[in-house]
Amino acid sequence: MQIENSTFQFLKDLQKNNNRDWFADHKPVYTKAQKNAKQVFAEIHKKLQMHDQIEKSKMMRIYRDVRFSNDKTPYKPHFANSYSRLGKELRGGYFLRIRPGESFLAGGFWEPNKEDLFRIRKEIEQDASEIRQILKDKNYIKHFGGKFESFSELKTAPRGFDKDHPDVDLLRKKGFIATKSFTDKEVLSEDFIDKVDESFKALRPFFNLFSDILTTNLNGESIL
């Protein structure tokens, strides 16, 4: 099971012809490409279930909501899928996007609610050593460059936190995401699913720590 060349070619063609008339004329090609992507996402789901507990797998719709966007192209020229971990104890989620020239996977906490974000920040304020250990882990560095991405960051420490705190770089983040990009050649390779699964496995120390943080108070007592 792998991403087929025809699936990738459809996405390339869609990038150049992102309009409803072209899409309607190529609906059978889209249907075939969508089926292939869905099969690949399902196989990744199976592999994830072997080393994690997944509550939900969801393939994203290709149709864009253009109502509040400056970009009025009607379709997303990619296939993407999210995998949510199970229950209140296992926090975090996985994500994979297949897009010519811009394929990547990600995992973590994209937009944590204000309670979760505050709890993470309080942990950082008190002792960020375990989080720093995750970032310094050789396997995490291999797959994710030893850093967290964030959809946005504050310019200084959040309100109520010391702007001179030694871990202010972590306190400023509004999300905590690990990302890894793939070349087109890698996406089309026979072992792409295995490579994705290997990277997802490398997220577990990160997920385990943050799950522990978000299910306990600052004294380490369970809040569930």
Protein backbone atom coordinates (compact mmCIF):
# COMPACT_ATOMS: atom_id res chain seq x y z
CA MET A 1 0.00 0.00 0.00
CA GLN A 2 1.40 3.40 -1.00
CA ILE A 3 0.52 6.76 -2.51
CA GLU A 4 0.19 6.21 -6.25
CA ASN A 5 1.77 8.44 -8.89
CA SER A 6 -1.69 9.11 -10.35
CA THR A 7 -2.88 10.43 -6.97
CA PHE A 8 0.04 12.81 -6.79
CA GLN A 9 -0.50 13.90 -10.39
CA PHE A 10 -4.14 14.69 -9.67
CA LEU A 11 -3.09 17.00 -6.82
CA LYS A 12 -0.51 18.69 -9.07
CA ASP A 13 -3.14 19.23 -11.76
CA LEU A 14 -5.59 20.57 -9.17
CA GLN A 15 -3.03 23.12 -8.03
CA LYS A 16 -2.96 24.49 -11.60
CA ASN A 17 -6.70 24.15 -12.26
CA ASN A 18 -8.39 24.99 -8.98
CA ASN A 19 -11.87 25.71 -10.30
CA ARG A 20 -15.24 23.97 -10.23
CA ASP A 21 -15.51 23.29 -13.97
CA TRP A 22 -12.16 21.48 -14.13
CA PHE A 23 -12.94 19.54 -10.96
CA ALA A 24 -16.32 18.42 -12.31
CA ASP A 25 -14.70 17.22 -15.54
CA HIS A 26 -12.12 15.23 -13.53
CA LYS A 27 -14.42 13.88 -10.82
CA PRO A 28 -13.63 10.20 -11.66
CA VAL A 29 -9.90 10.95 -11.32
CA TYR A 30 -10.54 12.64 -7.98
CA THR A 31 -12.60 9.69 -6.75
CA LYS A 32 -9.78 7.27 -7.58
CA ALA A 33 -7.16 9.50 -5.93
CA GLN A 34 -9.32 9.98 -2.85
CA LYS A 35 -9.77 6.21 -2.51
CA ASN A 36 -6.01 5.68 -2.68
CA ALA A 37 -5.34 8.36 -0.04
CA LYS A 38 -8.08 6.94 2.20
CA GLN A 39 -6.50 3.47 1.98
CA VAL A 40 -3.09 4.85 2.93
CA PHE A 41 -4.56 6.80 5.87
CA ALA A 42 -6.38 3.65 7.00
CA GLU A 43 -3.16 1.63 6.89
CA ILE A 44 -1.41 4.28 8.99
CA HIS A 45 -4.34 4.07 11.42
CA LYS A 46 -3.79 0.31 11.74
CA LYS A 47 -0.12 0.82 12.51
CA LEU A 48 -0.89 3.53 15.07
CA GLN A 49 -3.28 1.18 16.84
CA MET A 50 -0.40 -1.24 17.36
CA HIS A 51 1.45 1.21 19.65
CA ASP A 52 -1.17 3.77 20.69
CA GLN A 53 -4.90 4.03 21.34
CA ILE A 54 -6.72 6.05 18.69
CA GLU A 55 -10.24 7.28 19.35
CA LYS A 56 -10.99 8.75 15.93
CA SER A 57 -9.52 8.90 12.43
CA LYS A 58 -10.85 11.64 10.18
CA MET A 59 -10.02 12.40 6.56
CA MET A 60 -10.39 16.10 5.80
CA ARG A 61 -12.78 17.28 3.09
CA ILE A 62 -11.16 18.57 -0.09
CA TYR A 63 -13.76 21.35 -0.37
CA ARG A 64 -12.69 24.67 1.10
CA ASP A 65 -14.89 27.01 3.14
CA VAL A 66 -14.24 30.28 1.31
CA ARG A 67 -16.76 32.43 3.20
CA PHE A 68 -14.20 34.10 5.47
CA SER A 69 -11.04 33.58 3.43
CA ASN A 70 -9.19 35.86 1.03
CA ASP A 71 -8.30 32.74 -0.94
CA LYS A 72 -11.41 31.94 -2.97
CA THR A 73 -10.13 28.78 -4.65
CA PRO A 74 -12.78 26.12 -4.00
CA TYR A 75 -10.54 23.10 -3.31
CA LYS A 76 -7.62 22.14 -1.12
CA PRO A 77 -4.94 20.65 -3.41
CA HIS A 78 -4.04 18.03 -0.82
CA PHE A 79 -5.32 15.06 1.12
CA ALA A 80 -5.08 15.16 4.90
CA ASN A 81 -6.06 13.05 7.89
CA SER A 82 -6.13 13.50 11.65
CA TYR A 83 -5.92 10.83 14.35
CA SER A 84 -7.21 11.64 17.84
CA ARG A 85 -5.85 9.74 20.85
CA LEU A 86 -8.21 7.96 23.23
CA GLY A 87 -9.97 9.55 26.17
CA LYS A 88 -9.03 12.14 28.78
CA GLU A 89 -5.88 10.30 29.86
CA LEU A 90 -4.20 10.11 26.44
CA ARG A 91 -3.90 13.66 25.19
CA GLY A 92 -2.66 14.94 21.85
CA GLY A 93 -3.24 13.97 18.24
CA TYR A 94 -1.52 13.06 14.97
CA PHE A 95 -1.88 14.71 11.57
CA LEU A 96 -0.66 13.94 8.04
CA ARG A 97 -0.97 16.02 4.86
CA ILE A 98 -0.13 14.86 1.34
CA ARG A 99 0.51 17.81 -0.97
CA PRO A 100 3.05 18.04 -3.81
CA GLY A 101 6.03 20.02 -2.57
CA GLU A 102 4.50 20.58 0.87
CA SER A 103 3.80 17.22 2.52
CA PHE A 104 4.26 16.96 6.27
CA LEU A 105 3.15 15.23 9.42
CA ALA A 106 2.58 16.77 12.80
CA GLY A 107 1.61 15.86 16.30
CA GLY A 108 0.91 17.57 19.58
CA PHE A 109 -1.33 20.38 20.78
CA TRP A 110 -2.22 22.87 18.05
CA GLU A 111 -4.67 25.17 19.86
CA PRO A 112 -5.01 23.98 23.46
CA ASN A 113 -7.91 25.50 25.35
CA LYS A 114 -7.06 28.23 27.84
CA GLU A 115 -7.17 25.85 30.82
CA ASP A 116 -4.76 23.37 29.23
CA LEU A 117 -2.46 26.13 28.01
CA PHE A 118 -2.35 27.69 31.48
CA ARG A 119 -1.58 24.30 33.06
CA ILE A 120 1.29 23.71 30.61
CA ARG A 121 2.66 27.18 31.27
CA LYS A 122 2.50 26.65 35.04
CA GLU A 123 4.48 23.43 34.59
CA ILE A 124 7.08 25.30 32.54
CA GLU A 125 7.22 28.04 35.15
CA GLN A 126 7.77 25.55 37.95
CA ASP A 127 10.17 23.16 36.23
CA ALA A 128 10.72 22.80 32.47
CA SER A 129 13.54 20.26 32.78
CA GLU A 130 11.47 17.27 31.61
CA ILE A 131 10.18 19.21 28.61
CA ARG A 132 13.73 20.25 27.77
CA GLN A 133 14.79 16.60 27.97
CA ILE A 134 12.20 15.75 25.32
CA LEU A 135 13.61 18.43 23.02
CA LYS A 136 17.15 17.11 23.55
CA ASP A 137 16.24 13.47 22.94
CA LYS A 138 18.22 12.07 19.98
CA ASN A 139 15.19 10.42 18.40
CA TYR A 140 13.09 13.57 18.77
CA ILE A 141 15.89 15.62 17.22
CA LYS A 142 16.19 13.11 14.35
CA HIS A 143 12.52 13.39 13.43
CA PHE A 144 11.51 16.86 14.58
CA GLY A 145 14.65 18.96 14.83
CA GLY A 146 14.53 19.27 18.61
CA LYS A 147 11.94 22.02 18.72
CA PHE A 148 8.25 22.80 19.11
CA GLU A 149 6.33 24.70 16.47
CA SER A 150 3.46 27.02 17.39
CA PHE A 151 0.74 28.63 15.26
CA SER A 152 1.62 31.91 16.99
CA GLU A 153 3.64 33.22 19.90
CA LEU A 154 3.43 36.11 22.30
CA LYS A 155 6.08 38.82 22.05
CA THR A 156 6.81 38.51 25.74
CA ALA A 157 5.77 36.34 28.68
CA PRO A 158 2.01 35.85 29.15
CA ARG A 159 0.26 37.95 31.78
CA GLY A 160 1.14 36.79 35.29
CA PHE A 161 4.44 35.18 34.27
CA ASP A 162 7.94 36.60 34.66
CA LYS A 163 9.20 38.08 31.38
CA ASP A 164 12.74 37.24 32.52
CA HIS A 165 11.98 33.58 33.23
CA PRO A 166 14.77 31.34 31.81
CA ASP A 167 12.16 29.36 29.83
CA VAL A 168 10.27 32.34 28.48
CA ASP A 169 10.71 30.98 24.94
CA LEU A 170 8.40 28.10 25.91
CA LEU A 171 6.04 30.29 27.94
CA ARG A 172 5.39 32.51 24.91
CA LYS A 173 4.04 29.66 22.80
CA LYS A 174 0.31 29.27 22.20
CA GLY A 175 0.68 25.69 21.00
CA PHE A 176 3.17 22.84 21.10
CA ILE A 177 3.55 20.97 17.81
CA ALA A 178 6.20 18.67 16.39
CA THR A 179 6.42 18.70 12.57
CA LYS A 180 8.33 16.77 9.93
CA SER A 181 8.37 17.49 6.18
CA PHE A 182 8.62 14.94 3.39
CA THR A 183 9.92 15.29 -0.15
CA ASP A 184 7.73 14.18 -3.03
CA LYS A 185 10.11 11.27 -3.59
CA GLU A 186 9.65 10.14 0.01
CA VAL A 187 5.86 10.38 -0.22
CA LEU A 188 5.84 8.19 -3.34
CA SER A 189 8.25 5.61 -1.93
CA GLU A 190 7.14 2.11 -0.97
CA ASP A 191 8.18 2.61 2.66
CA PHE A 192 6.43 5.96 3.18
CA ILE A 193 3.83 4.49 5.56
CA ASP A 194 6.62 2.95 7.66
CA LYS A 195 8.46 6.29 7.74
CA VAL A 196 5.32 8.07 8.93
CA ASP A 197 4.75 5.45 11.61
CA GLU A 198 8.36 5.70 12.78
CA SER A 199 7.96 9.46 13.22
CA PHE A 200 4.66 9.05 15.03
CA LYS A 201 6.34 6.59 17.42
CA ALA A 202 8.97 9.23 18.16
CA LEU A 203 6.20 11.47 19.52
CA ARG A 204 5.31 9.16 22.39
CA PRO A 205 7.70 10.58 25.04
CA PHE A 206 6.32 14.04 24.21
CA PHE A 207 2.71 12.82 24.39
CA ASN A 208 3.31 10.82 27.56
CA LEU A 209 4.78 13.80 29.38
CA PHE A 210 2.12 16.28 28.29
CA SER A 211 -0.65 13.77 29.04
CA ASP A 212 0.76 13.47 32.55
CA ILE A 213 0.95 17.25 32.92
CA LEU A 214 -2.62 17.78 31.75
CA THR A 215 -4.11 15.10 33.99
CA THR A 216 -2.40 16.19 37.23
CA ASN A 217 -2.03 19.30 39.34
CA LEU A 218 1.32 20.92 40.14
CA ASN A 219 1.75 18.48 43.05
CA GLY A 220 1.49 15.54 40.69
CA GLU A 221 -1.96 14.54 41.94
CA SER A 222 -4.51 13.22 39.44
CA ILE A 223 -7.33 15.61 38.54
CA LEU A 224 -9.37 13.02 36.64
